[in-house]
Amino acid sequence: MLPYLPKPWGRAASPVEQIIIAQEFTAGRVKRPQIAIATWIVPSIVAFGTDNQKQRLLPPTFRGDIFWCQLFSEPGAGSDLASLATKATRVDGGWRITGQKIWTTGAQYSQWGALLARTDPSAPKHNGITYFLLDMKSEGVQVKPLRELTGKEFFNTVYLDDVFVPDELVLGEVNRGWEVSRNTLTAERVSIGGSDSTFLPTLGEFVDFVRDYRFEGQFDQVARHRAGQLIAEGHATKLLNLRSTLLTLAGGDPMAPAAISKLLSMRTGQGYAEFAVSSFGTDAVIGDTERLPGKWGEYLLASRATTIYGGTSEVQLNIIAERLLGLPRDP
């Protein structure tokens, strides 16, 4: 499932082995098994979890019996995640957690969640945060789906009202959750930049669209130039994603390269949708969203959020400025 993980959870595959595995799946037109958001959380459990946590949660996750959600963002702590206000108070045998999370993908379908809460309000904001593994069936957890531009409900608000989490479900050390969360967020950004998104058209889809319409004489010279530019950006994005992935697999710090990949991937995907909708016109807006051309209209609406989730474009630019260009930190 995730071959780069150490045995027994993966095959401890080298970067080259992982690229070969991915290429073989693609060449055989075999769709790889997916564990969705667990792709971001599982590496953190492997790196920081206890033996009991690993044995309890990883096998059913790999079997597809557990669907995960990520309970990080809050109404007042999205881009500035370290400002989170959800509070965890120590009690006998564990913690009582109260707060609100928002934009939680797939929470209504999830059995477990990765949760950040503040356990030491007197500490600096990046300290005093603890990473919890939350059973979504716990008493006091309320999930409210949010209707999106597309009319679908994939994101949610999650309310936590005095929810009890036992000590055995703290991931990593108490008050050291920011370190664990960075592991999860890095996996998220590499995944978002390097994989096909549910909310964005792929380079292959766009190339097929351009090829089909070019033969019908639908594009003038200006449109052909823009289409070529987007296709070139798409190929550049794939190479940037590959670089980020190789750096991650080699044990390097992929934060800045992943920020570049995420920034360009989302912008290019939005460009595909905008170009196609402008070409199809009203057919893309009122057509059946389950097939073309209506699917392009849905892509256009859904893609707007991609430059926000996983860290806004502004956050990615700050990461690039600070880590690659050596500019002063954003105050």
Protein backbone atom coordinates (compact mmCIF):
# COMPACT_ATOMS: atom_id res chain seq x y z
CA MET A 1 0.00 0.00 0.00
CA LEU A 2 2.77 2.41 1.07
CA PRO A 3 5.95 0.59 0.01
CA TYR A 4 8.32 3.18 1.50
CA LEU A 5 7.23 2.34 5.06
CA PRO A 6 9.54 0.10 7.08
CA LYS A 7 8.67 -3.57 7.41
CA PRO A 8 6.22 -5.03 8.34
CA TRP A 9 4.02 -2.06 7.31
CA GLY A 10 5.74 -1.60 3.97
CA ARG A 11 8.64 -3.14 2.13
CA ALA A 12 11.23 -0.49 3.05
CA ALA A 13 11.46 0.19 -0.67
CA SER A 14 14.23 2.44 -1.91
CA PRO A 15 13.32 5.55 -3.94
CA VAL A 16 14.16 3.72 -7.18
CA GLU A 17 12.06 0.70 -6.20
CA GLN A 18 9.09 2.92 -5.44
CA ILE A 19 9.30 4.68 -8.78
CA ILE A 20 9.46 1.30 -10.52
CA ILE A 21 6.43 0.06 -8.56
CA ALA A 22 4.45 3.15 -9.56
CA GLN A 23 5.49 2.83 -13.20
CA GLU A 24 4.51 -0.84 -13.31
CA PHE A 25 1.05 -0.07 -11.95
CA THR A 26 0.67 2.64 -14.60
CA ALA A 27 2.00 0.47 -17.43
CA GLY A 28 -0.37 -2.34 -16.48
CA ARG A 29 -3.29 0.10 -16.21
CA VAL A 30 -3.88 -1.20 -12.70
CA LYS A 31 -5.45 1.23 -10.26
CA ARG A 32 -3.50 1.19 -7.02
CA PRO A 33 -5.42 0.53 -3.79
CA GLN A 34 -6.10 3.77 -1.96
CA ILE A 35 -6.46 4.52 1.74
CA ALA A 36 -7.35 8.19 1.16
CA ILE A 37 -6.44 10.54 4.02
CA ALA A 38 -4.87 7.66 5.94
CA THR A 39 -1.98 8.08 3.48
CA TRP A 40 -1.06 11.23 5.43
CA ILE A 41 -1.70 9.83 8.92
CA VAL A 42 -0.25 6.32 8.71
CA PRO A 43 3.39 7.53 8.37
CA SER A 44 2.97 9.49 11.62
CA ILE A 45 1.61 6.42 13.42
CA VAL A 46 4.53 4.36 12.12
CA ALA A 47 7.06 7.02 13.16
CA PHE A 48 5.63 8.05 16.53
CA GLY A 49 3.12 5.38 17.57
CA THR A 50 3.40 2.76 20.27
CA ASP A 51 3.41 -0.93 19.37
CA ASN A 52 -0.16 -1.17 20.66
CA GLN A 53 -1.31 1.75 18.49
CA LYS A 54 0.32 0.25 15.41
CA GLN A 55 -1.12 -3.23 15.94
CA ARG A 56 -4.57 -1.89 16.75
CA LEU A 57 -4.95 0.63 13.93
CA LEU A 58 -2.64 -0.11 11.00
CA PRO A 59 -3.83 -3.58 9.86
CA PRO A 60 -7.53 -2.57 9.65
CA THR A 61 -6.52 0.68 7.93
CA PHE A 62 -4.62 -1.22 5.23
CA ARG A 63 -7.56 -3.62 4.82
CA GLY A 64 -9.88 -0.68 4.22
CA ASP A 65 -11.88 -1.34 7.39
CA ILE A 66 -10.96 2.07 8.86
CA PHE A 67 -11.49 5.39 7.10
CA TRP A 68 -9.60 8.33 8.62
CA CYS A 69 -10.20 12.06 8.81
CA GLN A 70 -7.85 14.85 9.81
CA LEU A 71 -9.11 17.11 12.61
CA PHE A 72 -6.64 19.98 12.35
CA SER A 73 -8.21 23.17 10.92
CA GLU A 74 -10.46 25.38 13.04
CA PRO A 75 -12.54 28.50 12.32
CA GLY A 76 -9.71 30.63 13.73
CA ALA A 77 -6.79 28.38 12.87
CA GLY A 78 -6.52 27.33 9.25
CA SER A 79 -3.44 28.73 7.57
CA ASP A 80 -2.04 29.57 11.01
CA LEU A 81 -2.70 26.12 12.41
CA ALA A 82 -0.59 26.67 15.52
CA SER A 83 -3.22 29.16 16.74
CA LEU A 84 -5.69 26.32 17.33
CA ALA A 85 -7.98 26.75 20.32
CA THR A 86 -9.43 23.26 20.84
CA LYS A 87 -8.60 22.48 24.46
CA ALA A 88 -7.65 19.17 26.08
CA THR A 89 -7.78 18.96 29.88
CA ARG A 90 -6.11 16.11 31.74
CA VAL A 91 -8.42 13.86 33.75
CA ASP A 92 -8.01 10.46 35.37
CA GLY A 93 -6.87 8.03 32.67
CA GLY A 94 -6.83 10.48 29.79
CA TRP A 95 -8.09 13.81 28.46
CA ARG A 96 -11.35 15.71 28.01
CA ILE A 97 -11.39 17.62 24.72
CA THR A 98 -13.66 20.52 23.78
CA GLY A 99 -13.57 22.58 20.61
CA GLN A 100 -14.56 22.87 16.96
CA LYS A 101 -12.87 21.68 13.78
CA ILE A 102 -13.84 22.72 10.26
CA TRP A 103 -13.26 21.65 6.63
CA THR A 104 -12.77 18.08 7.82
CA THR A 105 -12.81 15.88 4.73
CA GLY A 106 -15.00 12.78 4.93
CA ALA A 107 -15.65 13.05 8.68
CA GLN A 108 -19.19 11.70 8.23
CA TYR A 109 -17.72 8.45 6.88
CA SER A 110 -14.75 8.15 9.22
CA GLN A 111 -14.21 5.67 12.02
CA TRP A 112 -11.07 7.39 13.33
CA GLY A 113 -9.56 10.86 13.24
CA ALA A 114 -6.17 12.49 13.82
CA LEU A 115 -6.80 15.37 16.22
CA LEU A 116 -4.71 18.30 17.42
CA ALA A 117 -5.61 19.98 20.71
CA ARG A 118 -3.92 22.43 23.05
CA THR A 119 -2.81 20.77 26.27
CA ASP A 120 -0.71 23.62 27.70
CA PRO A 121 -2.28 27.04 27.05
CA SER A 122 0.57 28.82 28.84
CA ALA A 123 3.21 27.56 26.38
CA PRO A 124 4.20 29.31 23.12
CA LYS A 125 1.70 28.51 20.39
CA HIS A 126 3.84 25.88 18.64
CA ASN A 127 4.38 24.16 21.95
CA GLY A 128 1.71 22.82 24.27
CA ILE A 129 -0.08 21.01 21.42
CA THR A 130 -0.76 17.27 21.58
CA TYR A 131 -1.67 14.86 18.78
CA PHE A 132 -4.55 12.49 19.60
CA LEU A 133 -6.05 9.49 17.80
CA LEU A 134 -9.81 9.90 18.12
CA ASP A 135 -12.48 7.22 17.87
CA MET A 136 -15.19 9.09 15.95
CA LYS A 137 -17.88 7.10 17.77
CA SER A 138 -16.83 8.69 21.07
CA GLU A 139 -19.57 10.39 23.06
CA GLY A 140 -19.58 14.13 22.44
CA VAL A 141 -18.46 14.02 18.78
CA GLN A 142 -20.95 15.70 16.42
CA VAL A 143 -20.39 15.90 12.65
CA LYS A 144 -22.20 18.49 10.51
CA PRO A 145 -21.69 18.21 6.71
CA LEU A 146 -21.10 21.41 4.72
CA ARG A 147 -22.71 21.87 1.31
CA GLU A 148 -20.22 22.99 -1.32
CA LEU A 149 -20.41 24.94 -4.58
CA THR A 150 -20.95 21.65 -6.39
CA GLY A 151 -23.97 20.83 -4.22
CA LYS A 152 -22.14 17.91 -2.64
CA GLU A 153 -21.21 17.46 1.01
CA PHE A 154 -17.64 16.23 1.38
CA PHE A 155 -16.32 18.62 4.02
CA ASN A 156 -17.65 18.94 7.56
CA THR A 157 -17.67 20.87 10.78
CA VAL A 158 -16.89 18.63 13.76
CA TYR A 159 -17.96 19.66 17.26
CA LEU A 160 -16.16 18.17 20.27
CA ASP A 161 -18.08 18.48 23.54
CA ASP A 162 -16.10 17.16 26.52
CA VAL A 163 -14.91 14.15 24.49
CA PHE A 164 -12.84 11.64 26.45
CA VAL A 165 -9.64 10.30 24.87
CA PRO A 166 -7.57 7.81 26.88
CA ASP A 167 -3.83 8.28 27.41
CA GLU A 168 -3.16 5.25 25.24
CA LEU A 169 -4.39 7.21 22.20
CA VAL A 170 -1.92 10.08 22.51
CA LEU A 171 0.40 9.89 19.48
CA GLY A 172 3.94 10.88 20.39
CA GLU A 173 4.70 12.91 23.50
CA VAL A 174 2.27 15.18 25.33
CA ASN A 175 2.87 18.83 24.34
CA ARG A 176 5.05 17.70 21.40
CA GLY A 177 2.22 17.26 18.93
CA TRP A 178 3.46 19.98 16.58
CA GLU A 179 6.42 17.77 15.65
CA VAL A 180 4.06 14.90 14.85
CA SER A 181 1.70 17.16 12.91
CA ARG A 182 4.56 18.38 10.71
CA ASN A 183 5.11 14.78 9.68
CA THR A 184 1.43 14.48 8.75
CA LEU A 185 1.30 17.84 6.96
CA THR A 186 4.40 17.06 4.91
CA ALA A 187 2.85 13.77 3.81
CA GLU A 188 -0.33 15.67 2.93
CA ARG A 189 1.44 18.27 0.78
CA VAL A 190 3.52 15.69 -1.04
CA SER A 191 0.37 13.62 -1.60
CA ILE A 192 -1.73 16.58 -2.79
CA GLY A 193 0.97 17.81 -5.15
CA GLY A 194 1.95 14.39 -6.40
CA SER A 195 -1.32 12.56 -6.92
CA ASP A 196 -4.50 12.98 -8.89
CA SER A 197 -7.03 15.02 -6.93
CA THR A 198 -10.74 14.28 -6.75
CA PHE A 199 -11.35 17.99 -7.30
CA LEU A 200 -9.03 18.60 -10.25
CA PRO A 201 -8.81 17.29 -13.82
CA THR A 202 -5.67 15.36 -14.65
CA LEU A 203 -3.12 16.16 -17.31
CA GLY A 204 -4.31 13.09 -19.22
CA GLU A 205 -7.92 14.27 -19.20
CA PHE A 206 -6.88 17.69 -20.44
CA VAL A 207 -4.68 16.28 -23.21
CA ASP A 208 -7.57 14.06 -24.37
CA PHE A 209 -9.90 17.06 -24.41
CA VAL A 210 -7.45 19.22 -26.40
CA ARG A 211 -6.76 16.41 -28.88
CA ASP A 212 -10.44 15.74 -29.52
CA TYR A 213 -11.37 19.38 -29.93
CA ARG A 214 -8.33 20.29 -32.02
CA PHE A 215 -9.37 17.78 -34.67
CA GLU A 216 -12.81 19.38 -34.76
CA GLY A 217 -11.26 22.76 -35.52
CA GLN A 218 -12.55 24.33 -32.31
CA PHE A 219 -9.37 26.19 -31.31
CA ASP A 220 -7.92 29.34 -32.79
CA GLN A 221 -4.23 30.20 -32.54
CA VAL A 222 -4.59 31.95 -29.17
CA ALA A 223 -6.43 28.96 -27.68
CA ARG A 224 -3.85 26.52 -29.03
CA HIS A 225 -1.07 28.58 -27.48
CA ARG A 226 -2.80 28.59 -24.08
CA ALA A 227 -3.52 24.86 -24.26
CA GLY A 228 0.12 24.16 -25.06
CA GLN A 229 1.21 26.33 -22.16
CA LEU A 230 -1.03 24.41 -19.74
CA ILE A 231 0.19 21.04 -21.02
CA ALA A 232 3.81 22.15 -20.60
CA GLU A 233 3.03 23.29 -17.05
CA GLY A 234 1.40 19.93 -16.40
CA HIS A 235 4.53 18.04 -17.42
CA ALA A 236 6.69 20.42 -15.36
CA THR A 237 4.44 19.78 -12.39
CA LYS A 238 4.87 16.02 -12.73
CA LEU A 239 8.65 16.44 -12.67
CA LEU A 240 8.47 18.70 -9.61
CA ASN A 241 6.23 16.17 -7.90
CA LEU A 242 8.73 13.43 -8.71
CA ARG A 243 11.54 15.49 -7.19
CA SER A 244 9.54 16.05 -3.98
CA THR A 245 8.67 12.37 -3.78
CA LEU A 246 12.28 11.26 -4.30
CA LEU A 247 13.47 13.69 -1.64
CA THR A 248 10.89 12.37 0.80
CA LEU A 249 11.76 8.77 0.06
CA ALA A 250 15.46 9.50 0.52
CA GLY A 251 14.80 10.87 4.01
CA GLY A 252 15.30 14.55 3.14
CA ASP A 253 13.16 17.53 4.10
CA PRO A 254 10.57 17.91 1.33
CA MET A 255 8.73 20.89 2.86
CA ALA A 256 9.87 23.57 0.40
CA PRO A 257 9.83 21.39 -2.76
CA ALA A 258 6.39 20.09 -1.74
CA ALA A 259 5.20 23.69 -1.38
CA ILE A 260 6.32 24.43 -4.95
CA SER A 261 4.63 21.27 -6.23
CA LYS A 262 1.40 22.00 -4.41
CA LEU A 263 1.34 25.61 -5.60
CA LEU A 264 1.90 24.77 -9.27
CA SER A 265 -0.24 21.60 -9.31
CA MET A 266 -3.31 23.37 -7.99
CA ARG A 267 -2.89 26.41 -10.24
CA THR A 268 -2.41 24.25 -13.33
CA GLY A 269 -5.39 22.04 -12.50
CA GLN A 270 -7.58 25.10 -12.13
CA GLY A 271 -6.26 26.30 -15.48
CA TYR A 272 -7.35 23.06 -17.17
CA ALA A 273 -10.90 23.49 -15.88
CA GLU A 274 -11.10 27.17 -16.76
CA PHE A 275 -9.88 26.53 -20.31
CA ALA A 276 -12.27 23.63 -20.93
CA VAL A 277 -15.31 25.45 -19.55
CA SER A 278 -14.55 28.52 -21.65
CA SER A 279 -14.36 26.21 -24.69
CA PHE A 280 -17.57 24.27 -23.97
CA GLY A 281 -19.54 27.32 -22.87
CA THR A 282 -22.96 26.72 -21.33
CA ASP A 283 -22.83 22.98 -22.08
CA ALA A 284 -20.22 22.63 -19.33
CA VAL A 285 -22.36 24.54 -16.84
CA ILE A 286 -25.72 22.82 -17.33
CA GLY A 287 -24.60 19.38 -18.50
CA ASP A 288 -24.64 16.12 -16.55
CA THR A 289 -21.77 16.32 -14.05
CA GLU A 290 -21.17 12.56 -14.28
CA ARG A 291 -19.84 12.85 -17.83
CA LEU A 292 -18.36 15.37 -20.23
CA PRO A 293 -18.83 18.23 -20.82
CA GLY A 294 -20.72 18.73 -17.54
CA LYS A 295 -17.85 17.16 -15.61
CA TRP A 296 -15.68 20.11 -16.55
CA GLY A 297 -18.19 22.49 -14.97
CA GLU A 298 -18.00 20.53 -11.73
CA TYR A 299 -14.21 20.56 -11.90
CA LEU A 300 -14.32 24.35 -12.24
CA LEU A 301 -16.40 24.74 -9.07
CA ALA A 302 -14.58 22.10 -7.03
CA SER A 303 -11.11 23.29 -7.99
CA ARG A 304 -11.50 26.67 -6.31
CA ALA A 305 -10.82 25.12 -2.90
CA THR A 306 -7.60 23.42 -3.96
CA THR A 307 -5.49 26.54 -3.41
CA ILE A 308 -6.80 26.67 0.17
CA TYR A 309 -6.75 23.14 1.56
CA GLY A 310 -3.44 21.61 2.60
CA GLY A 311 -2.11 25.14 3.19
CA THR A 312 -3.16 28.22 1.23
CA SER A 313 -1.11 29.51 -1.67
CA GLU A 314 0.05 32.36 0.57
CA VAL A 315 1.34 29.86 3.13
CA GLN A 316 3.17 27.92 0.40
CA LEU A 317 4.78 31.14 -0.84
CA ASN A 318 5.95 31.93 2.70
CA ILE A 319 7.50 28.46 3.00
CA ILE A 320 9.31 28.93 -0.31
CA ALA A 321 10.49 32.43 0.64
CA GLU A 322 11.81 31.39 4.05
CA ARG A 323 13.25 27.94 3.32
CA LEU A 324 14.59 28.40 -0.21
CA LEU A 325 15.23 32.13 -0.56
CA GLY A 326 16.30 32.78 3.03
CA LEU A 327 13.94 35.72 3.47
CA PRO A 328 12.88 36.81 6.98
CA ARG A 329 10.07 34.83 8.61
CA ASP A 330 6.56 36.17 8.24
CA PRO A 331 5.73 37.83 11.61
